Protein backbone atom coordinates (compact mmCIF):
# COMPACT_ATOMS: atom_id res chain seq x y z
CA MET A 1 -10.60 -134.75 -215.93
CA MET A 2 -12.67 -134.34 -213.01
CA HIS A 3 -12.86 -131.20 -211.09
CA PHE A 4 -14.23 -131.06 -207.41
CA LYS A 5 -15.67 -127.91 -206.15
CA PRO A 6 -15.38 -127.17 -202.49
CA LYS A 7 -18.41 -127.35 -200.72
CA ILE A 8 -19.35 -124.07 -198.82
CA PRO A 9 -20.34 -124.78 -195.45
CA SER A 10 -24.01 -124.22 -194.49
CA THR A 11 -24.70 -121.30 -192.10
CA TRP A 12 -25.24 -123.84 -189.17
CA GLY A 13 -21.86 -125.36 -190.22
CA LYS A 14 -20.18 -121.79 -189.70
CA ASN A 15 -21.87 -121.28 -186.30
CA ILE A 16 -20.70 -124.72 -185.18
CA LEU A 17 -17.12 -123.86 -186.39
CA THR A 18 -17.05 -120.30 -184.97
CA SER A 19 -18.30 -121.61 -181.58
CA VAL A 20 -15.58 -124.32 -181.41
CA LEU A 21 -13.00 -121.92 -182.13
CA GLY A 22 -14.10 -119.22 -179.96
CA THR A 23 -14.40 -121.67 -177.17
CA THR A 24 -10.74 -122.96 -177.94
CA ILE A 25 -9.20 -119.55 -178.03
CA SER A 26 -11.10 -118.69 -174.89
CA ILE A 27 -10.07 -121.41 -172.94
CA LEU A 28 -6.32 -120.87 -173.96
CA LEU A 29 -6.65 -117.27 -172.98
CA THR A 30 -8.00 -118.05 -169.83
CA PHE A 31 -5.27 -120.56 -168.79
CA GLY A 32 -2.73 -118.28 -170.32
CA THR A 33 -3.87 -115.25 -168.51
CA SER A 34 -4.34 -117.43 -165.42
CA ALA A 35 -0.76 -118.72 -165.58
CA LEU A 36 0.66 -115.06 -166.30
CA VAL A 37 -1.15 -113.72 -163.16
CA GLU A 38 0.04 -116.53 -160.99
CA SER A 39 3.48 -116.11 -162.07
CA ARG A 40 3.33 -112.49 -161.56
CA GLU A 41 1.88 -113.19 -157.97
CA LYS A 42 4.65 -115.53 -157.42
CA ALA A 43 7.25 -113.04 -158.24
CA ASN A 44 5.83 -110.45 -156.18
CA THR A 45 5.24 -112.55 -153.27
CA GLN A 46 8.98 -113.71 -153.78
CA ARG A 47 10.23 -110.28 -153.72
CA GLN A 48 7.81 -109.15 -150.76
CA THR A 49 9.35 -111.92 -148.67
CA ALA A 50 12.95 -111.27 -149.75
CA MET A 51 12.58 -107.43 -148.75
CA MET A 52 10.99 -108.45 -145.42
CA VAL A 53 13.77 -110.51 -144.30
CA ILE A 54 16.70 -108.39 -145.71
CA HIS A 55 15.09 -105.54 -143.60
CA ASP A 56 15.15 -107.80 -140.84
CA ILE A 57 19.14 -108.37 -141.24
CA ASP A 58 19.28 -104.56 -141.51
CA VAL A 59 17.51 -104.07 -138.38
CA CYS A 60 20.05 -106.44 -136.58
CA VAL A 61 23.01 -104.50 -138.04
CA ASN A 62 21.54 -101.15 -136.66
CA GLN A 63 21.19 -103.00 -133.23
CA MET A 64 24.85 -104.29 -133.31
CA GLU A 65 26.03 -100.69 -134.08
CA GLU A 66 23.94 -99.42 -131.31
CA MET A 67 25.40 -102.03 -128.77
CA ALA A 68 28.85 -100.95 -129.95
CA LYS A 69 28.06 -97.11 -129.47
CA ASP A 70 26.38 -97.80 -125.76
CA GLU A 71 29.42 -99.90 -124.89
CA GLU A 72 31.91 -97.25 -125.92
CA GLU A 73 29.94 -94.44 -124.05
CA ARG A 74 29.68 -96.57 -120.90
CA ASN A 75 33.13 -97.77 -121.14
CA ASN A 76 34.17 -94.05 -121.23
CA ALA A 77 32.26 -93.19 -118.33
CA VAL A 78 33.67 -96.16 -116.49
CA GLN A 79 37.29 -95.15 -117.27
CA TYR A 80 36.64 -91.59 -115.99
CA VAL A 81 35.48 -93.05 -112.88
CA LEU A 82 38.45 -95.34 -112.34
CA ALA A 83 40.63 -92.27 -113.09
CA HIS A 84 38.95 -90.04 -110.45
CA GLN A 85 38.10 -92.71 -107.52
CA ASP A 86 39.37 -90.54 -105.19
CA GLN A 87 36.74 -88.01 -106.00
CA ILE A 88 34.16 -90.41 -107.02
CA ALA A 89 31.46 -88.86 -104.52
CA THR A 90 31.62 -85.54 -106.54
CA LEU A 91 31.69 -86.86 -109.96
CA PRO A 92 28.51 -86.04 -112.27
CA GLU A 93 25.56 -88.16 -111.31
CA ASP A 94 25.02 -88.49 -115.03
CA THR A 95 28.56 -90.04 -115.32
CA ILE A 96 27.99 -92.48 -112.21
CA LEU A 97 24.62 -93.61 -113.89
CA LEU A 98 26.10 -94.30 -117.25
CA ALA A 99 28.96 -96.48 -115.70
CA MET A 100 26.43 -98.35 -113.64
CA LEU A 101 24.48 -99.04 -116.93
CA MET A 102 27.46 -101.03 -118.19
CA LEU A 103 27.72 -103.18 -114.91
CA ALA A 104 24.18 -103.77 -113.75
CA ASN A 105 21.56 -106.02 -115.12
CA TYR A 106 18.28 -104.10 -114.43
CA ASN A 107 15.98 -106.75 -116.15
CA ASP A 108 15.78 -110.53 -116.48
CA ASN A 109 15.10 -110.48 -120.13
CA HIS A 110 17.73 -112.28 -122.18
CA THR A 111 16.01 -111.53 -125.68
CA ILE A 112 18.01 -109.31 -127.99
CA PHE A 113 16.40 -109.77 -131.26
CA ASP A 114 12.97 -110.04 -132.61
CA ASN A 115 12.39 -113.35 -133.98
CA ALA A 116 9.02 -112.57 -135.48
CA LYS A 117 10.26 -112.44 -139.17
CA GLU A 118 12.39 -115.55 -138.74
CA ASN A 119 9.28 -117.40 -137.58
CA ILE A 120 7.36 -116.25 -140.58
CA PHE A 121 10.23 -117.12 -142.89
CA LYS A 122 10.82 -120.64 -141.63
CA SER A 123 7.01 -121.64 -140.86
CA SER A 124 5.09 -120.34 -144.24
CA GLN A 125 4.46 -123.03 -146.73
CA ASP A 126 3.56 -120.31 -149.10
CA ILE A 127 6.93 -118.56 -148.83
CA TRP A 128 9.00 -121.63 -149.44
CA SER A 129 6.99 -122.68 -152.34
CA ASN A 130 7.40 -119.26 -153.80
CA LEU A 131 11.28 -118.75 -152.77
CA ASP A 132 13.00 -120.81 -155.51
CA ASN A 133 16.45 -119.09 -155.13
CA MET A 134 18.59 -121.22 -152.93
CA ALA A 135 21.40 -119.16 -152.51
CA PHE A 136 19.12 -116.62 -151.05
CA ILE A 137 17.57 -119.20 -148.74
CA ASP A 138 21.01 -120.55 -147.61
CA ASN A 139 22.10 -117.13 -146.75
CA MET A 140 18.99 -116.41 -144.72
CA GLU A 141 19.50 -119.67 -142.64
CA LYS A 142 23.13 -118.84 -142.08
CA PHE A 143 22.12 -115.33 -140.73
CA TYR A 144 19.28 -116.86 -138.42
CA ARG A 145 21.64 -119.56 -137.31
CA GLU A 146 24.23 -116.99 -136.41
CA ARG A 147 22.02 -114.67 -134.85
CA LYS A 148 20.75 -117.22 -132.30
CA GLU A 149 24.20 -118.45 -131.57
CA ILE A 150 25.28 -114.81 -130.78
CA GLU A 151 22.16 -114.12 -128.50
CA SER A 152 22.96 -117.28 -126.64
CA LEU A 153 26.61 -116.03 -126.25
CA ILE A 154 25.79 -112.49 -125.18
CA SER A 155 23.27 -113.84 -122.57
CA LYS A 156 25.50 -116.42 -121.11
CA SER A 157 29.25 -115.54 -121.67
CA PRO A 158 31.06 -113.97 -118.51
CA THR A 159 32.71 -111.96 -121.29
CA PHE A 160 29.33 -110.14 -122.19
CA THR A 161 26.92 -110.96 -118.90
CA LYS A 162 26.77 -107.88 -116.52
CA PRO A 163 28.66 -108.66 -113.17
CA ILE A 164 25.97 -106.99 -111.13
CA THR A 165 23.26 -109.62 -111.61
CA PHE A 166 19.24 -109.04 -111.71
CA ASP A 167 18.91 -110.68 -108.39
CA GLU A 168 21.70 -108.70 -106.69
CA TRP A 169 20.25 -105.50 -108.32
CA ASN A 170 16.92 -106.20 -106.65
CA GLN A 171 18.67 -107.02 -103.33
CA ILE A 172 20.34 -103.69 -103.50
CA GLN A 173 16.96 -101.91 -104.11
CA ILE A 174 15.65 -103.88 -101.03
CA ASP A 175 18.48 -102.90 -98.89
CA SER A 176 18.02 -99.26 -99.74
CA LYS A 177 14.81 -99.20 -97.35
CA ALA A 178 17.42 -98.48 -94.62
CA ASN A 179 18.11 -95.32 -96.27
CA ASN A 180 14.54 -94.28 -97.39
CA TYR A 181 14.99 -96.14 -100.69
CA ARG A 182 17.66 -93.86 -101.93
CA ILE A 183 20.49 -95.42 -103.54
CA ASP A 184 23.99 -93.96 -103.06
CA TYR A 185 25.27 -94.81 -106.81
CA ALA A 186 28.61 -93.26 -106.07
CA ALA A 187 29.35 -95.23 -102.93
CA LEU A 188 27.77 -98.37 -104.80
CA LEU A 189 30.03 -98.06 -107.72
CA LYS A 190 33.32 -97.46 -105.53
CA GLU A 191 32.50 -100.75 -103.88
CA LYS A 192 31.89 -102.74 -106.73
CA LEU A 193 34.88 -101.58 -108.91
CA LYS A 194 36.86 -103.71 -106.14
CA ASP A 195 35.02 -107.06 -107.35
CA ARG A 196 37.07 -108.93 -109.66
CA LYS A 197 33.74 -109.75 -111.81
CA VAL A 198 33.58 -106.00 -112.47
CA GLN A 199 36.98 -105.68 -113.15
CA PHE A 200 36.83 -108.78 -115.72
CA ASN A 201 33.89 -107.08 -117.48
CA ILE A 202 35.53 -103.70 -117.66
CA ASP A 203 38.84 -105.46 -119.10
CA ASN A 204 36.58 -107.06 -121.95
CA SER A 205 34.64 -103.79 -122.86
CA THR A 206 36.91 -102.99 -125.98
CA ALA A 207 36.64 -106.68 -127.17
CA ARG A 208 32.83 -106.42 -126.72
CA THR A 209 32.68 -103.30 -128.89
CA ARG A 210 34.90 -104.90 -131.41
CA PHE A 211 32.55 -108.05 -131.52
CA TYR A 212 29.49 -106.09 -131.88
CA ARG A 213 30.97 -104.04 -135.04
CA GLU A 214 32.29 -107.49 -136.59
CA CYS A 215 29.07 -108.86 -136.33
CA ALA A 216 27.31 -105.62 -137.93
CA GLN A 217 29.59 -105.80 -140.85
CA LYS A 218 29.12 -109.53 -141.33
CA TRP A 219 25.46 -109.31 -141.43
CA ARG A 220 25.74 -106.24 -143.49
CA ASN A 221 27.79 -108.20 -146.11
CA ILE A 222 24.77 -110.77 -145.94
CA SER A 223 22.28 -108.31 -146.55
CA ASP A 224 23.92 -106.69 -149.50
CA ARG A 225 24.59 -110.26 -151.02
CA ASN A 226 20.84 -110.96 -150.68
CA LYS A 227 19.91 -107.59 -152.44
CA PHE A 228 22.30 -108.38 -155.09
CA ILE A 229 20.93 -112.27 -155.60
CA MET A 230 17.34 -110.79 -155.50
CA ASN A 231 18.13 -107.75 -157.67
CA ILE A 232 16.65 -105.25 -154.85
CA SER A 233 17.64 -101.62 -154.87
CA ASP A 234 18.36 -99.74 -151.80
CA GLU A 235 15.42 -97.52 -153.10
CA GLU A 236 13.01 -100.36 -153.61
CA LEU A 237 13.76 -101.83 -150.19
CA ALA A 238 13.07 -98.23 -148.61
CA GLU A 239 9.93 -97.98 -150.27
CA TYR A 240 8.98 -101.32 -148.90
CA ILE A 241 9.63 -100.40 -145.40
CA LYS A 242 7.90 -97.10 -145.82
CA ASN A 243 4.72 -99.16 -147.13
CA SER A 244 4.85 -101.89 -144.55
CA GLN A 245 5.07 -99.24 -141.73
CA HIS A 246 2.38 -97.06 -143.08
CA SER A 247 -1.05 -98.08 -142.41
CA GLY A 248 -4.60 -96.32 -142.21
CA SER A 249 -6.61 -93.88 -144.36
CA SER A 250 -6.06 -90.15 -144.82
CA VAL A 251 -7.47 -87.77 -141.92
CA SER A 252 -9.65 -84.80 -142.46
CA LYS A 253 -9.84 -81.80 -140.33
CA ARG A 254 -13.37 -83.20 -139.12
CA ASP A 255 -11.92 -86.55 -138.31
CA LEU A 256 -9.24 -85.02 -136.02
CA THR A 257 -11.37 -82.60 -134.16
CA GLY A 258 -12.32 -83.51 -130.76
CA GLN A 259 -10.61 -85.03 -127.82
CA TRP A 260 -8.11 -87.87 -127.77
CA GLU A 261 -5.87 -89.76 -125.23
CA ARG A 262 -2.37 -91.77 -125.24
CA LYS A 263 -1.44 -93.78 -122.51
CA ALA A 264 2.57 -93.83 -122.23
CA GLU A 265 4.84 -96.16 -120.14
CA GLY A 266 2.18 -96.61 -117.54
CA ILE A 267 3.28 -93.39 -115.59
CA ARG A 268 2.09 -90.69 -118.22
CA ASP A 269 -1.36 -90.05 -119.73
CA TYR A 270 -1.52 -87.53 -122.63
CA TYR A 271 -4.70 -85.83 -123.57
CA TYR A 272 -5.26 -83.67 -126.98
CA GLU A 273 -8.02 -81.55 -127.76
CA PHE A 274 -8.38 -80.40 -131.39
CA LEU A 275 -10.92 -77.48 -131.69
CA GLU A 276 -12.56 -76.10 -134.98
CA ASN A 277 -11.27 -72.85 -134.50
CA ASP A 278 -7.51 -74.27 -135.39
CA SER A 279 -6.50 -74.06 -131.56
CA PHE A 280 -5.48 -77.28 -129.56
CA ASN A 281 -4.54 -77.97 -125.84
CA ILE A 282 -2.68 -80.66 -124.48
CA LYS A 283 -2.71 -82.18 -121.08
CA ILE A 284 -0.21 -84.42 -119.59
CA ILE A 285 -0.71 -86.11 -116.24
CA MET A 286 2.53 -87.76 -114.57
CA HIS A 287 1.82 -90.46 -112.18
CA TRP A 288 4.38 -90.98 -109.24
CA GLY A 289 4.29 -93.84 -106.72
CA ASN A 290 6.82 -94.29 -104.06
CA PRO A 291 7.46 -96.78 -101.12
CA PHE A 292 7.01 -93.81 -98.70
CA TYR A 293 3.16 -93.83 -99.49
CA ASN A 294 0.19 -95.51 -100.81
CA GLY A 295 -1.36 -94.04 -103.92
CA GLU A 296 0.12 -91.85 -106.55
CA ILE A 297 1.09 -88.22 -106.86
CA HIS A 298 -0.06 -86.50 -109.98
CA LEU A 299 1.82 -83.67 -111.66
CA SER A 300 -0.25 -82.20 -114.68
CA TYR A 301 0.58 -79.62 -117.17
CA ILE A 302 -1.38 -77.93 -119.70
CA TYR A 303 -0.50 -75.98 -122.62
CA GLY A 304 -2.05 -74.68 -126.08
CA GLY A 305 -1.31 -73.43 -129.48
CA LYS A 306 -2.42 -73.55 -133.25
CA TRP A 307 -2.99 -76.49 -135.33
CA ASN A 308 -3.22 -77.20 -139.05
CA LEU A 309 -3.66 -80.30 -141.25
CA LYS A 310 -2.16 -80.38 -144.72
CA ASP A 311 -1.65 -83.45 -146.97
CA ASP A 312 -2.05 -85.75 -144.11
CA THR A 313 0.65 -84.08 -142.24
CA LEU A 314 -0.39 -82.39 -138.85
CA PHE A 315 1.18 -79.05 -137.80
CA MET A 316 1.33 -77.87 -134.38
CA GLU A 317 2.54 -74.54 -133.28
CA TYR A 318 3.01 -74.13 -129.66
CA ALA A 319 2.44 -71.31 -127.14
CA PRO A 320 5.00 -71.74 -124.50
CA LYS A 321 3.53 -68.84 -122.42
CA SER A 322 0.05 -70.79 -121.88
CA MET A 323 2.03 -73.54 -119.96
CA GLU A 324 0.26 -74.27 -116.54
CA ALA A 325 1.20 -76.86 -114.03
CA GLU A 326 -0.08 -78.49 -110.90
CA LEU A 327 0.77 -81.04 -108.24
CA ASP A 328 -1.79 -82.96 -106.77
CA THR A 329 -1.03 -85.09 -103.60
CA SER A 330 -4.59 -85.72 -102.61
CA ARG A 331 -4.57 -89.47 -103.55
CA ILE A 332 -1.87 -90.46 -101.24
CA SER A 333 -1.74 -91.69 -97.67
CA TYR A 334 1.16 -92.72 -95.44
CA ARG A 335 2.13 -93.78 -92.06
CA PRO A 336 2.96 -90.98 -89.38
CA GLU A 337 6.61 -91.99 -89.07
CA MET A 338 6.91 -91.59 -92.65
CA ARG A 339 5.62 -87.92 -92.98
CA ASP A 340 9.06 -86.28 -93.05
CA SER A 341 10.25 -88.58 -96.10
CA VAL A 342 7.07 -87.74 -97.90
CA LYS A 343 7.29 -84.01 -97.40
CA GLY A 344 10.89 -84.17 -98.48
CA TYR A 345 9.95 -86.22 -101.58
CA ILE A 346 7.37 -83.57 -102.48
CA ARG A 347 9.68 -80.83 -102.03
CA LEU A 348 12.24 -82.50 -104.43
CA LEU A 349 9.50 -82.53 -107.27
CA ASN A 350 9.70 -78.83 -107.26
CA ILE A 351 6.71 -78.03 -109.43
CA ALA A 352 8.19 -74.50 -110.28
CA ALA A 353 11.29 -76.07 -111.79
CA TRP A 354 9.23 -78.74 -113.80
CA LYS A 355 7.19 -75.81 -115.33
CA GLN A 356 10.36 -73.57 -116.09
CA SER A 357 11.91 -76.77 -117.87
CA LEU A 358 8.85 -77.67 -119.72
CA ARG A 359 8.38 -74.17 -121.05
CA GLU A 360 11.88 -73.95 -122.28
CA SER A 361 11.63 -77.04 -123.92
CA LEU A 362 8.52 -75.75 -125.82
CA GLU A 363 10.33 -72.83 -126.57
CA ARG A 364 13.10 -74.69 -128.33
CA SER A 365 10.96 -76.76 -130.22
CA ARG A 366 8.16 -74.28 -131.05
CA ARG A 367 6.40 -76.39 -133.74
CA ASP A 368 6.04 -79.89 -134.51
CA THR A 369 5.02 -81.95 -137.78
CA PHE A 370 3.30 -85.43 -137.43
CA PRO A 371 2.27 -87.55 -140.68
CA VAL A 372 -1.03 -88.85 -139.38
CA THR A 373 -3.58 -91.59 -140.49
CA THR A 374 -6.79 -92.90 -139.28
CA ASN A 375 -8.52 -96.23 -139.02
CA LYS A 376 -11.93 -97.06 -140.61
CA ALA A 377 -13.80 -96.32 -137.46
CA ASN A 378 -12.17 -92.83 -137.17
CA ASP A 379 -11.44 -93.38 -133.36
CA LYS A 380 -7.73 -94.05 -133.52
CA ILE A 381 -5.13 -91.94 -135.05
CA GLU A 382 -1.54 -92.98 -136.11
CA MET A 383 0.84 -90.17 -135.29
CA VAL A 384 4.74 -90.60 -136.79
CA VAL A 385 6.92 -89.01 -134.48
CA SER A 386 10.37 -89.93 -136.08
CA ARG A 387 11.77 -91.96 -138.76
CA ASP A 388 15.41 -93.00 -138.86
CA ASP A 389 17.99 -93.17 -141.82
CA ASP A 390 16.78 -96.56 -142.61
CA GLY A 391 12.89 -95.64 -142.79
CA ASN A 392 11.88 -97.30 -139.62
CA VAL A 393 9.33 -95.35 -137.94
CA LYS A 394 8.07 -94.62 -134.28
CA SER A 395 4.57 -93.79 -133.84
CA HIS A 396 2.06 -92.98 -131.43
CA TYR A 397 -1.45 -93.93 -131.38
CA ILE A 398 -4.11 -91.85 -129.95
CA LYS A 399 -7.68 -92.97 -129.16
CA ARG A 400 -10.89 -90.86 -129.22
CA LEU A 401 -12.36 -89.57 -126.06
CA LYS A 402 -16.17 -89.21 -125.78
CA ASP A 403 -18.08 -87.37 -122.79
CA SER A 404 -14.54 -86.49 -121.16
CA ASN A 405 -14.22 -83.52 -118.74
CA VAL A 406 -10.56 -83.89 -118.75
CA PHE A 407 -10.03 -80.39 -120.10
CA LYS A 408 -12.84 -78.72 -117.99
């Protein structure tokens, strides 16, 4: 019998074999790892997209709830006016104005909902390639279709549209010139309550409130269904909202020291001065224009206090007694025949009353806290001024001032 002895590979052969095996394993690991990473990235993109549009539903739910609440408050005001029509001239001004909010269209913008998230959801090829849950996609398409239909209904149906149109409101303001641009809201409301369009709108107020709440509940059900389908918890969604609305880097005391400004609504300028000795000054300039005159009247007030920064949170403790106020009328000019109207308007501004009101406001608040972050250039600061129950934030952005004499 012949016996064969295995031939032991040479050193060169061993090296070749090891190299081939190593390369093969490396290729397998590379492709396997790449596939795993790609799978994880896809899953992460899918969840981020899902949370983005689910949050969009929740925002619209809150909008509809707010619309229902506003409708109820305004209808209560209108019903109170209707019950006291004989004394309408003596009713509280805030009640009259609240009733007018229900009836008059003060702007020509018919857009109710922000469709930015919808556009992203529908137009991004990456999203469609990563979202492979058809039940979720169907729910979102149903929601966006319904939202568009409801927005159209609210902007066009006589049940929802304001009876005093935007053009009519503009004409009312033009006609007020005969009364030195003053609108007698009580007399206007008394007259409009006789209009059949106004009566129709008032009669449908309860139906509008119910409609808004029904929409809110229907969309809340879609949101809950989508969270269940995608296995997204309320806590995970809250964390997503918090992270998506928080940007910037941590702020140091050195970053914040200096002067800053914030323009607000075109009629107010805010200036902040944070000093190294932990004190601060805030100056607010209000701009008032009026058809009586050319230019602007400025009311400026300044106050101070102490500030501290800890864990990216700005603590500000106000000193109400430091409040100072000044009225500047040097920037206006007017025709001689408007002199009495201008002087009367200036008296109505009543700087002493403004100063007292602002001081009392500071006495009530005394201290504020603002989470803060800065951009890479350290020339802008984000101050989070409020956060609602759903995690939505309202922020102010202040810009660094250089070589400013605003506090001198």
